[in-house]
PDB file of N, CA and C in Angstrom:
ATOM      1  N   UNK A   1      33.206  38.799  94.027  1.00  0.00           N
ATOM      2  CA  UNK A   1      31.857  38.685  93.514  1.00  0.00           C
ATOM      3  C   UNK A   1      31.671  37.517  92.542  1.00  0.00           C
ATOM      4  N   UNK A   2      30.648  36.705  92.932  1.00  0.00           N
ATOM      5  CA  UNK A   2      30.519  35.360  92.214  1.00  0.00           C
ATOM      6  C   UNK A   2      30.088  35.773  90.769  1.00  0.00           C
ATOM      7  N   UNK A   3      30.748  35.050  89.825  1.00  0.00           N
ATOM      8  CA  UNK A   3      30.490  35.318  88.379  1.00  0.00           C
ATOM      9  C   UNK A   3      29.888  34.078  87.635  1.00  0.00           C
ATOM     10  N   UNK A   4      29.051  33.824  86.805  1.00  0.00           N
ATOM     11  CA  UNK A   4      28.346  32.862  86.400  1.00  0.00           C
ATOM     12  C   UNK A   4      28.238  33.019  84.768  1.00  0.00           C
ATOM     13  N   UNK A   5      28.293  31.633  84.061  1.00  0.00           N
ATOM     14  CA  UNK A   5      27.890  31.507  82.726  1.00  0.00           C
ATOM     15  C   UNK A   5      26.607  30.958  82.647  1.00  0.00           C
ATOM     16  N   UNK A   6      25.742  31.481  81.398  1.00  0.00           N
ATOM     17  CA  UNK A   6      24.298  30.876  81.459  1.00  0.00           C
ATOM     18  C   UNK A   6      24.466  29.991  80.438  1.00  0.00           C
ATOM     19  N   UNK A   7      24.153  28.635  80.523  1.00  0.00           N
ATOM     20  CA  UNK A   7      24.439  27.459  79.596  1.00  0.00           C
ATOM     21  C   UNK A   7      23.100  27.017  79.323  1.00  0.00           C
ATOM     22  N   UNK A   8      22.845  26.587  77.979  1.00  0.00           N
ATOM     23  CA  UNK A   8      21.495  26.379  77.370  1.00  0.00           C
ATOM     24  C   UNK A   8      21.531  24.901  77.825  1.00  0.00           C
ATOM     25  N   UNK A   9      20.456  24.240  78.402  1.00  0.00           N
ATOM     26  CA  UNK A   9      20.499  22.902  78.841  1.00  0.00           C
ATOM     27  C   UNK A   9      19.217  22.029  78.243  1.00  0.00           C
ATOM     28  N   UNK A  10      19.520  21.126  77.328  1.00  0.00           N
ATOM     29  CA  UNK A  10      18.146  20.319  76.695  1.00  0.00           C
ATOM     30  C   UNK A  10      17.241  20.164  77.630  1.00  0.00           C
ATOM     31  N   UNK A  11      16.053  20.417  77.390  1.00  0.00           N
ATOM     32  CA  UNK A  11      14.641  19.842  78.137  1.00  0.00           C
ATOM     33  C   UNK A  11      14.776  20.724  79.543  1.00  0.00           C
ATOM     34  N   UNK A  12      15.774  21.444  79.851  1.00  0.00           N
ATOM     35  CA  UNK A  12      15.925  22.225  81.184  1.00  0.00           C
ATOM     36  C   UNK A  12      15.987  23.745  81.130  1.00  0.00           C
ATOM     37  N   UNK A  13      15.996  24.259  79.729  1.00  0.00           N
ATOM     38  CA  UNK A  13      16.050  25.620  79.857  1.00  0.00           C
ATOM     39  C   UNK A  13      17.638  25.949  80.063  1.00  0.00           C
ATOM     40  N   UNK A  14      17.824  27.184  80.431  1.00  0.00           N
ATOM     41  CA  UNK A  14      19.186  27.749  80.957  1.00  0.00           C
ATOM     42  C   UNK A  14      19.698  27.513  82.425  1.00  0.00           C
ATOM     43  N   UNK A  15      20.920  27.148  82.529  1.00  0.00           N
ATOM     44  CA  UNK A  15      21.408  26.868  83.680  1.00  0.00           C
ATOM     45  C   UNK A  15      22.559  27.785  84.108  1.00  0.00           C
ATOM     46  N   UNK A  16      22.778  28.180  85.285  1.00  0.00           N
ATOM     47  CA  UNK A  16      23.803  29.173  85.572  1.00  0.00           C
ATOM     48  C   UNK A  16      24.999  28.221  86.278  1.00  0.00           C
ATOM     49  N   UNK A  17      26.242  28.134  85.590  1.00  0.00           N
ATOM     50  CA  UNK A  17      27.226  27.748  85.876  1.00  0.00           C
ATOM     51  C   UNK A  17      28.274  28.682  86.435  1.00  0.00           C
ATOM     52  N   UNK A  18      28.837  28.621  87.742  1.00  0.00           N
ATOM     53  CA  UNK A  18      29.841  29.318  88.408  1.00  0.00           C
ATOM     54  C   UNK A  18      31.144  29.473  87.827  1.00  0.00           C
ATOM     55  N   UNK A  19      31.764  30.553  87.371  1.00  0.00           N
ATOM     56  CA  UNK A  19      33.237  30.426  86.646  1.00  0.00           C
ATOM     57  C   UNK A  19      34.274  30.979  87.875  1.00  0.00           C
ATOM     58  N   UNK A  20      33.725  31.205  88.996  1.00  0.00           N
ATOM     59  CA  UNK A  20      34.524  31.701  90.170  1.00  0.00           C
ATOM     60  C   UNK A  20      35.351  30.434  90.585  1.00  0.00           C
ATOM     61  N   UNK A  21      36.654  30.597  90.869  1.00  0.00           N
ATOM     62  CA  UNK A  21      37.400  29.499  91.249  1.00  0.00           C
ATOM     63  C   UNK A  21      37.658  28.326  90.184  1.00  0.00           C
ATOM     64  N   UNK A  22      37.432  28.461  88.746  1.00  0.00           N
ATOM     65  CA  UNK A  22      37.606  27.573  87.858  1.00  0.00           C
ATOM     66  C   UNK A  22      39.181  27.501  87.826  1.00  0.00           C
ATOM     67  N   UNK A  23      39.911  26.327  87.687  1.00  0.00           N
ATOM     68  CA  UNK A  23      41.319  26.092  87.830  1.00  0.00           C
ATOM     69  C   UNK A  23      41.752  25.365  86.523  1.00  0.00           C
ATOM     70  N   UNK A  24      40.830  24.761  85.918  1.00  0.00           N
ATOM     71  CA  UNK A  24      41.294  23.877  84.707  1.00  0.00           C
ATOM     72  C   UNK A  24      39.918  23.838  83.779  1.00  0.00           C
ATOM     73  N   UNK A  25      40.173  24.085  82.479  1.00  0.00           N
ATOM     74  CA  UNK A  25      38.895  23.528  81.414  1.00  0.00           C
ATOM     75  C   UNK A  25      39.848  22.483  80.548  1.00  0.00           C
ATOM     76  N   UNK A  26      39.004  21.431  80.606  1.00  0.00           N
ATOM     77  CA  UNK A  26      39.745  20.147  80.024  1.00  0.00           C
ATOM     78  C   UNK A  26      38.647  19.923  78.811  1.00  0.00           C
ATOM     79  N   UNK A  27      39.354  19.877  77.612  1.00  0.00           N
ATOM     80  CA  UNK A  27      38.566  19.677  76.359  1.00  0.00           C
ATOM     81  C   UNK A  27      38.287  18.136  76.124  1.00  0.00           C
ATOM     82  N   UNK A  28      37.171  17.847  75.389  1.00  0.00           N
ATOM     83  CA  UNK A  28      36.817  16.477  74.965  1.00  0.00           C
ATOM     84  C   UNK A  28      36.113  16.846  73.358  1.00  0.00           C
ATOM     85  N   UNK A  29      35.859  15.720  72.880  1.00  0.00           N
ATOM     86  CA  UNK A  29      35.359  15.732  71.689  1.00  0.00           C
ATOM     87  C   UNK A  29      33.616  15.963  72.042  1.00  0.00           C
ATOM     88  N   UNK A  30      32.912  15.258  73.039  1.00  0.00           N
ATOM     89  CA  UNK A  30      31.768  15.483  73.205  1.00  0.00           C
ATOM     90  C   UNK A  30      31.495  15.891  74.728  1.00  0.00           C
ATOM     91  N   UNK A  31      32.576  16.098  75.597  1.00  0.00           N
ATOM     92  CA  UNK A  31      32.486  16.669  76.949  1.00  0.00           C
ATOM     93  C   UNK A  31      33.662  17.651  77.175  1.00  0.00           C
ATOM     94  N   UNK A  32      33.197  18.751  77.933  1.00  0.00           N
ATOM     95  CA  UNK A  32      34.298  19.548  78.629  1.00  0.00           C
ATOM     96  C   UNK A  32      34.172  19.720  79.983  1.00  0.00           C
ATOM     97  N   UNK A  33      35.113  19.568  80.710  1.00  0.00           N
ATOM     98  CA  UNK A  33      35.137  19.636  82.078  1.00  0.00           C
ATOM     99  C   UNK A  33      35.819  20.686  82.757  1.00  0.00           C
ATOM    100  N   UNK A  34      35.011  21.313  83.419  1.00  0.00           N
ATOM    101  CA  UNK A  34      35.558  22.517  84.486  1.00  0.00           C
ATOM    102  C   UNK A  34      35.986  21.944  85.821  1.00  0.00           C
ATOM    103  N   UNK A  35      37.238  22.143  86.234  1.00  0.00           N
ATOM    104  CA  UNK A  35      37.596  21.762  87.636  1.00  0.00           C
ATOM    105  C   UNK A  35      37.898  22.830  88.214  1.00  0.00           C
ATOM    106  N   UNK A  36      37.539  22.893  89.623  1.00  0.00           N
ATOM    107  CA  UNK A  36      37.320  24.012  90.422  1.00  0.00           C
ATOM    108  C   UNK A  36      38.571  24.026  91.567  1.00  0.00           C
ATOM    109  N   UNK A  37      38.886  24.922  92.131  1.00  0.00           N
ATOM    110  CA  UNK A  37      39.927  24.830  93.223  1.00  0.00           C
ATOM    111  C   UNK A  37      39.584  24.284  94.403  1.00  0.00           C
ATOM    112  N   UNK A  38      38.265  23.969  94.734  1.00  0.00           N
ATOM    113  CA  UNK A  38      37.666  23.281  95.812  1.00  0.00           C
ATOM    114  C   UNK A  38      37.569  21.754  95.496  1.00  0.00           C
ATOM    115  N   UNK A  39      37.888  21.261  94.206  1.00  0.00           N
ATOM    116  CA  UNK A  39      37.841  19.890  93.805  1.00  0.00           C
ATOM    117  C   UNK A  39      36.584  19.572  93.179  1.00  0.00           C
ATOM    118  N   UNK A  40      35.789  20.683  93.311  1.00  0.00           N
ATOM    119  CA  UNK A  40      34.274  20.064  92.488  1.00  0.00           C
ATOM    120  C   UNK A  40      34.730  20.076  90.900  1.00  0.00           C
ATOM    121  N   UNK A  41      33.745  19.422  90.321  1.00  0.00           N
ATOM    122  CA  UNK A  41      33.900  19.159  88.805  1.00  0.00           C
ATOM    123  C   UNK A  41      32.593  19.546  88.044  1.00  0.00           C
ATOM    124  N   UNK A  42      32.583  20.122  87.070  1.00  0.00           N
ATOM    125  CA  UNK A  42      31.475  20.382  86.179  1.00  0.00           C
ATOM    126  C   UNK A  42      31.611  19.884  84.841  1.00  0.00           C
ATOM    127  N   UNK A  43      30.886  18.881  84.393  1.00  0.00           N
ATOM    128  CA  UNK A  43      30.927  18.371  82.906  1.00  0.00           C
ATOM    129  C   UNK A  43      30.051  19.009  82.156  1.00  0.00           C
ATOM    130  N   UNK A  44      30.320  19.521  81.145  1.00  0.00           N
ATOM    131  CA  UNK A  44      29.360  19.917  79.976  1.00  0.00           C
ATOM    132  C   UNK A  44      29.445  18.940  78.843  1.00  0.00           C
ATOM    133  N   UNK A  45      28.336  18.307  78.523  1.00  0.00           N
ATOM    134  CA  UNK A  45      28.169  17.417  77.254  1.00  0.00           C
ATOM    135  C   UNK A  45      27.437  17.817  76.301  1.00  0.00           C
ATOM    136  N   UNK A  46      27.777  17.527  74.960  1.00  0.00           N
ATOM    137  CA  UNK A  46      27.319  18.001  73.881  1.00  0.00           C
ATOM    138  C   UNK A  46      26.613  16.774  73.112  1.00  0.00           C
ATOM    139  N   UNK A  47      25.633  16.946  72.297  1.00  0.00           N
ATOM    140  CA  UNK A  47      24.963  15.823  71.601  1.00  0.00           C
ATOM    141  C   UNK A  47      26.002  15.461  70.426  1.00  0.00           C
ATOM    142  N   UNK A  48      26.768  16.211  69.874  1.00  0.00           N
ATOM    143  CA  UNK A  48      27.485  15.912  68.646  1.00  0.00           C
ATOM    144  C   UNK A  48      28.856  16.139  68.876  1.00  0.00           C
ATOM    145  N   UNK A  49      29.925  15.341  68.155  1.00  0.00           N
ATOM    146  CA  UNK A  49      31.340  15.520  68.434  1.00  0.00           C
ATOM    147  C   UNK A  49      31.809  17.075  67.644  1.00  0.00           C
ATOM    148  N   UNK A  50      32.474  17.737  68.393  1.00  0.00           N
ATOM    149  CA  UNK A  50      33.185  19.004  67.816  1.00  0.00           C
ATOM    150  C   UNK A  50      34.609  18.922  67.994  1.00  0.00           C
ATOM    151  N   UNK A  51      35.376  19.803  67.062  1.00  0.00           N
ATOM    152  CA  UNK A  51      36.827  19.604  67.293  1.00  0.00           C
ATOM    153  C   UNK A  51      37.185  19.856  68.737  1.00  0.00           C
ATOM    154  N   UNK A  52      38.296  19.314  69.202  1.00  0.00           N
ATOM    155  CA  UNK A  52      38.710  18.888  70.552  1.00  0.00           C
ATOM    156  C   UNK A  52      38.714  20.271  71.314  1.00  0.00           C
ATOM    157  N   UNK A  53      39.138  21.269  70.934  1.00  0.00           N
ATOM    158  CA  UNK A  53      39.052  22.426  71.686  1.00  0.00           C
ATOM    159  C   UNK A  53      38.203  23.393  71.209  1.00  0.00           C
ATOM    160  N   UNK A  54      37.071  23.238  70.577  1.00  0.00           N
ATOM    161  CA  UNK A  54      35.993  24.128  70.335  1.00  0.00           C
ATOM    162  C   UNK A  54      35.492  24.633  71.553  1.00  0.00           C
ATOM    163  N   UNK A  55      34.723  23.987  72.356  1.00  0.00           N
ATOM    164  CA  UNK A  55      33.904  24.505  73.499  1.00  0.00           C
ATOM    165  C   UNK A  55      34.936  25.013  74.493  1.00  0.00           C
ATOM    166  N   UNK A  56      36.125  24.552  74.729  1.00  0.00           N
ATOM    167  CA  UNK A  56      37.253  25.015  75.581  1.00  0.00           C
ATOM    168  C   UNK A  56      37.261  26.336  75.429  1.00  0.00           C
ATOM    169  N   UNK A  57      37.674  26.608  73.962  1.00  0.00           N
ATOM    170  CA  UNK A  57      37.867  28.103  73.569  1.00  0.00           C
ATOM    171  C   UNK A  57      36.692  29.045  73.738  1.00  0.00           C
ATOM    172  N   UNK A  58      35.580  28.432  73.650  1.00  0.00           N
ATOM    173  CA  UNK A  58      34.304  29.385  73.785  1.00  0.00           C
ATOM    174  C   UNK A  58      34.262  29.454  75.368  1.00  0.00           C
ATOM    175  N   UNK A  59      34.348  28.470  76.192  1.00  0.00           N
ATOM    176  CA  UNK A  59      34.144  28.653  77.603  1.00  0.00           C
ATOM    177  C   UNK A  59      35.229  29.681  78.161  1.00  0.00           C
ATOM    178  N   UNK A  60      36.457  29.402  77.778  1.00  0.00           N
ATOM    179  CA  UNK A  60      37.643  30.487  78.347  1.00  0.00           C
ATOM    180  C   UNK A  60      37.346  31.870  77.969  1.00  0.00           C
ATOM    181  N   UNK A  61      36.875  32.084  76.776  1.00  0.00           N
ATOM    182  CA  UNK A  61      36.710  33.510  76.260  1.00  0.00           C
ATOM    183  C   UNK A  61      35.539  34.027  77.013  1.00  0.00           C
ATOM    184  N   UNK A  62      34.449  33.177  77.222  1.00  0.00           N
ATOM    185  CA  UNK A  62      33.475  33.799  77.802  1.00  0.00           C
ATOM    186  C   UNK A  62      33.691  34.137  79.435  1.00  0.00           C
ATOM    187  N   UNK A  63      34.559  33.248  80.073  1.00  0.00           N
ATOM    188  CA  UNK A  63      35.230  33.461  81.467  1.00  0.00           C
ATOM    189  C   UNK A  63      36.053  34.486  81.355  1.00  0.00           C
ATOM    190  N   UNK A  64      36.917  34.700  80.551  1.00  0.00           N
ATOM    191  CA  UNK A  64      37.749  36.120  80.346  1.00  0.00           C
ATOM    192  C   UNK A  64      36.839  37.443  80.317  1.00  0.00           C
ATOM    193  N   UNK A  65      35.881  37.384  79.567  1.00  0.00           N
ATOM    194  CA  UNK A  65      34.904  38.398  79.336  1.00  0.00           C
ATOM    195  C   UNK A  65      34.277  38.780  80.574  1.00  0.00           C
ATOM    196  N   UNK A  66      33.674  37.670  81.366  1.00  0.00           N
ATOM    197  CA  UNK A  66      32.893  37.940  82.464  1.00  0.00           C
ATOM    198  C   UNK A  66      33.742  38.578  83.594  1.00  0.00           C
ATOM    199  N   UNK A  67      35.016  37.998  83.530  1.00  0.00           N
ATOM    200  CA  UNK A  67      35.955  38.520  84.644  1.00  0.00           C
ATOM    201  C   UNK A  67      36.563  39.765  84.536  1.00  0.00           C
TER     202      UNK A  67
END
């Protein structure tokens, strides 16, 4: 079954991001990248810098809860 995270996007409302087949979550100060087994990549960008693993921890925790 396909699983999704609901991500708020500025000026676009909420978007659904698939968490099925995510192989790697790469942290960054203003962007976090999800890499899928299929080779596709999704990049989540924030407006402000956060501690390097802040969004990685949140995304991974949400993925674990959803799966």
